[in-house]
C-alpha atoms as a PDB file:
ATOM      1  CA  MET A   1    -180.751 -10.237 -73.801  1.00  0.00           C
ATOM      2  CA  ALA A   2    -179.894  -6.491 -72.292  1.00  0.00           C
ATOM      3  CA  ILE A   3    -176.162  -5.436 -71.910  1.00  0.00           C
ATOM      4  CA  ILE A   4    -175.414  -2.908 -69.222  1.00  0.00           C
ATOM      5  CA  GLU A   5    -172.351  -1.105 -68.208  1.00  0.00           C
ATOM      6  CA  ILE A   6    -171.195  -0.810 -64.468  1.00  0.00           C
ATOM      7  CA  ASP A   7    -168.142   1.117 -63.608  1.00  0.00           C
ATOM      8  CA  GLY A   8    -166.656  -0.263 -67.064  1.00  0.00           C
ATOM      9  CA  ILE A   9    -167.336  -3.431 -66.840  1.00  0.00           C
ATOM     10  CA  ILE A  10    -169.795  -4.830 -69.590  1.00  0.00           C
ATOM     11  CA  LEU A  11    -172.415  -7.142 -68.036  1.00  0.00           C
ATOM     12  CA  GLU A  12    -175.067  -9.890 -70.057  1.00  0.00           C
ATOM     13  CA  PHE A  13    -178.041 -10.273 -68.955  1.00  0.00           C
ATOM     14  CA  ASP A  14    -181.273 -12.492 -70.256  1.00  0.00           C
ATOM     15  CA  LYS A  15    -184.474 -11.162 -70.766  1.00  0.00           C
ATOM     16  CA  ASP A  16    -186.002 -11.198 -67.006  1.00  0.00           C
ATOM     17  CA  GLY A  17    -182.857  -9.517 -65.411  1.00  0.00           C
ATOM     18  CA  PHE A  18    -180.813 -12.106 -64.283  1.00  0.00           C
ATOM     19  CA  LEU A  19    -176.700 -13.008 -65.581  1.00  0.00           C
ATOM     20  CA  ALA A  20    -176.692 -14.448 -68.575  1.00  0.00           C
ATOM     21  CA  ASP A  21    -173.899 -16.934 -68.128  1.00  0.00           C
ATOM     22  CA  PRO A  22    -173.479 -17.775 -64.820  1.00  0.00           C
ATOM     23  CA  ALA A  23    -170.176 -19.390 -64.903  1.00  0.00           C
ATOM     24  CA  LYS A  24    -168.761 -15.192 -65.523  1.00  0.00           C
ATOM     25  CA  TRP A  25    -169.455 -14.532 -62.239  1.00  0.00           C
ATOM     26  CA  ASP A  26    -166.564 -14.046 -59.489  1.00  0.00           C
ATOM     27  CA  PRO A  27    -167.272 -11.298 -56.082  1.00  0.00           C
ATOM     28  CA  THR A  28    -166.020  -7.908 -58.534  1.00  0.00           C
ATOM     29  CA  VAL A  29    -170.054  -9.703 -60.683  1.00  0.00           C
ATOM     30  CA  ALA A  30    -171.693  -9.286 -57.433  1.00  0.00           C
ATOM     31  CA  ARG A  31    -170.997  -6.253 -56.240  1.00  0.00           C
ATOM     32  CA  LEU A  32    -171.299  -4.239 -59.550  1.00  0.00           C
ATOM     33  CA  ILE A  33    -175.336  -5.348 -59.658  1.00  0.00           C
ATOM     34  CA  ALA A  34    -175.722  -5.437 -56.370  1.00  0.00           C
ATOM     35  CA  LYS A  35    -174.408  -1.693 -56.994  1.00  0.00           C
ATOM     36  CA  HIS A  36    -176.846  -1.503 -60.084  1.00  0.00           C
ATOM     37  CA  ASP A  37    -179.218  -2.436 -57.601  1.00  0.00           C
ATOM     38  CA  GLY A  38    -179.225  -0.622 -55.107  1.00  0.00           C
ATOM     39  CA  ILE A  39    -176.801  -2.102 -52.636  1.00  0.00           C
ATOM     40  CA  GLU A  40    -173.571   0.353 -52.440  1.00  0.00           C
ATOM     41  CA  ASP A  41    -172.027  -1.867 -49.601  1.00  0.00           C
ATOM     42  CA  MET A  42    -171.819  -5.788 -49.254  1.00  0.00           C
ATOM     43  CA  THR A  43    -171.852  -6.841 -46.068  1.00  0.00           C
ATOM     44  CA  ASP A  44    -170.774  -9.872 -44.824  1.00  0.00           C
ATOM     45  CA  ARG A  45    -174.395 -10.565 -43.921  1.00  0.00           C
ATOM     46  CA  HIS A  46    -175.182  -9.998 -47.716  1.00  0.00           C
ATOM     47  CA  TRP A  47    -172.347 -12.281 -48.777  1.00  0.00           C
ATOM     48  CA  ILE A  48    -172.843 -15.358 -45.420  1.00  0.00           C
ATOM     49  CA  ILE A  49    -177.052 -15.568 -48.075  1.00  0.00           C
ATOM     50  CA  VAL A  50    -174.836 -15.132 -51.615  1.00  0.00           C
ATOM     51  CA  ASN A  51    -172.404 -17.774 -50.983  1.00  0.00           C
ATOM     52  CA  TYR A  52    -175.222 -20.276 -48.936  1.00  0.00           C
ATOM     53  CA  ILE A  53    -176.873 -20.140 -52.171  1.00  0.00           C
ATOM     54  CA  ARG A  54    -174.417 -20.753 -54.248  1.00  0.00           C
ATOM     55  CA  LYS A  55    -173.683 -23.286 -52.350  1.00  0.00           C
ATOM     56  CA  GLU A  56    -176.473 -24.899 -52.600  1.00  0.00           C
ATOM     57  CA  TRP A  57    -177.160 -24.276 -56.488  1.00  0.00           C
ATOM     58  CA  ALA A  58    -173.636 -25.625 -57.068  1.00  0.00           C
ATOM     59  CA  GLU A  59    -174.597 -28.702 -54.852  1.00  0.00           C
ATOM     60  CA  LYS A  60    -178.043 -29.572 -55.863  1.00  0.00           C
ATOM     61  CA  GLY A  61    -178.791 -27.371 -58.727  1.00  0.00           C
ATOM     62  CA  MET A  62    -181.343 -25.634 -57.250  1.00  0.00           C
ATOM     63  CA  VAL A  63    -182.385 -21.439 -55.142  1.00  0.00           C
ATOM     64  CA  PRO A  64    -183.185 -22.574 -51.685  1.00  0.00           C
ATOM     65  CA  MET A  65    -187.036 -21.712 -49.859  1.00  0.00           C
ATOM     66  CA  VAL A  66    -186.371 -18.723 -48.259  1.00  0.00           C
ATOM     67  CA  ARG A  67    -187.189 -20.678 -45.265  1.00  0.00           C
ATOM     68  CA  SER A  68    -184.238 -23.014 -45.356  1.00  0.00           C
ATOM     69  CA  MET A  69    -181.957 -19.498 -46.236  1.00  0.00           C
ATOM     70  CA  CYS A  70    -182.558 -18.131 -42.558  1.00  0.00           C
ATOM     71  CA  LYS A  71    -182.503 -21.039 -40.885  1.00  0.00           C
ATOM     72  CA  GLU A  72    -179.818 -22.693 -42.250  1.00  0.00           C
ATOM     73  CA  THR A  73    -177.854 -18.899 -42.231  1.00  0.00           C
ATOM     74  CA  GLY A  74    -179.645 -17.182 -39.089  1.00  0.00           C
ATOM     75  CA  VAL A  75    -180.535 -14.264 -41.398  1.00  0.00           C
ATOM     76  CA  ARG A  76    -184.073 -13.495 -39.953  1.00  0.00           C
ATOM     77  CA  LEU A  77    -186.437 -13.369 -42.690  1.00  0.00           C
ATOM     78  CA  ARG A  78    -187.338  -9.134 -42.011  1.00  0.00           C
ATOM     79  CA  GLU A  79    -183.673  -8.560 -42.225  1.00  0.00           C
ATOM     80  CA  LEU A  80    -183.532 -10.713 -45.390  1.00  0.00           C
ATOM     81  CA  TYR A  81    -185.366  -7.895 -47.116  1.00  0.00           C
ATOM     82  CA  GLU A  82    -183.672  -5.735 -45.391  1.00  0.00           C
ATOM     83  CA  LEU A  83    -180.544  -7.199 -47.197  1.00  0.00           C
ATOM     84  CA  PHE A  84    -181.939  -7.840 -50.182  1.00  0.00           C
ATOM     85  CA  PRO A  85    -185.042  -4.929 -51.460  1.00  0.00           C
ATOM     86  CA  GLN A  86    -185.720  -6.803 -54.544  1.00  0.00           C
ATOM     87  CA  GLY A  87    -186.676  -9.418 -52.563  1.00  0.00           C
ATOM     88  CA  PRO A  88    -184.337 -12.834 -51.144  1.00  0.00           C
ATOM     89  CA  ALA A  89    -185.702 -14.364 -53.919  1.00  0.00           C
ATOM     90  CA  ARG A  90    -184.414 -11.619 -57.226  1.00  0.00           C
ATOM     91  CA  GLY A  91    -182.149  -9.190 -55.247  1.00  0.00           C
ATOM     92  CA  ALA A  92    -179.929 -11.841 -53.843  1.00  0.00           C
ATOM     93  CA  CYS A  93    -180.246 -14.602 -57.090  1.00  0.00           C
ATOM     94  CA  ARG A  94    -179.294 -11.713 -59.351  1.00  0.00           C
ATOM     95  CA  ILE A  95    -176.312 -10.439 -57.331  1.00  0.00           C
ATOM     96  CA  ALA A  96    -174.927 -14.492 -56.713  1.00  0.00           C
ATOM     97  CA  GLY A  97    -175.114 -14.405 -60.312  1.00  0.00           C
ATOM     98  CA  LEU A  98    -178.070 -17.387 -60.617  1.00  0.00           C
ATOM     99  CA  PRO A  99    -180.099 -17.605 -63.475  1.00  0.00           C
ATOM    100  CA  LYS A 100    -184.379 -16.770 -62.321  1.00  0.00           C
ATOM    101  CA  PRO A 101    -185.316 -19.185 -59.907  1.00  0.00           C
ATOM    102  CA  GLU A 102    -188.847 -21.217 -60.267  1.00  0.00           C
ATOM    103  CA  GLY A 103    -191.574 -19.415 -58.506  1.00  0.00           C
ATOM    104  CA  CYS A 104    -189.905 -15.547 -58.919  1.00  0.00           C
ATOM    105  CA  VAL A 105    -192.253 -13.501 -60.380  1.00  0.00           C
END
């Protein structure tokens, strides 16, 4: 486990760098993780993806495939990678406060 302080808030991450307790997630935590990952401002487009991922995870217990993210949100693949430079699985899921997706390296 790693403990990181961002703007005075202490966050605990697992060995893979994902929030240790997804129940501790809220929009403020999302902004802090994003900032730590180099995303200074969470735009509406970021939130579309984060909210979609969280909804799918809550309903199905898993993160949607990238193709589904694009299809269901209207965010094109290129834009997805621009929004989340660490990648849609790693970057977006970290910001969404979810565990490391299966198949994510």
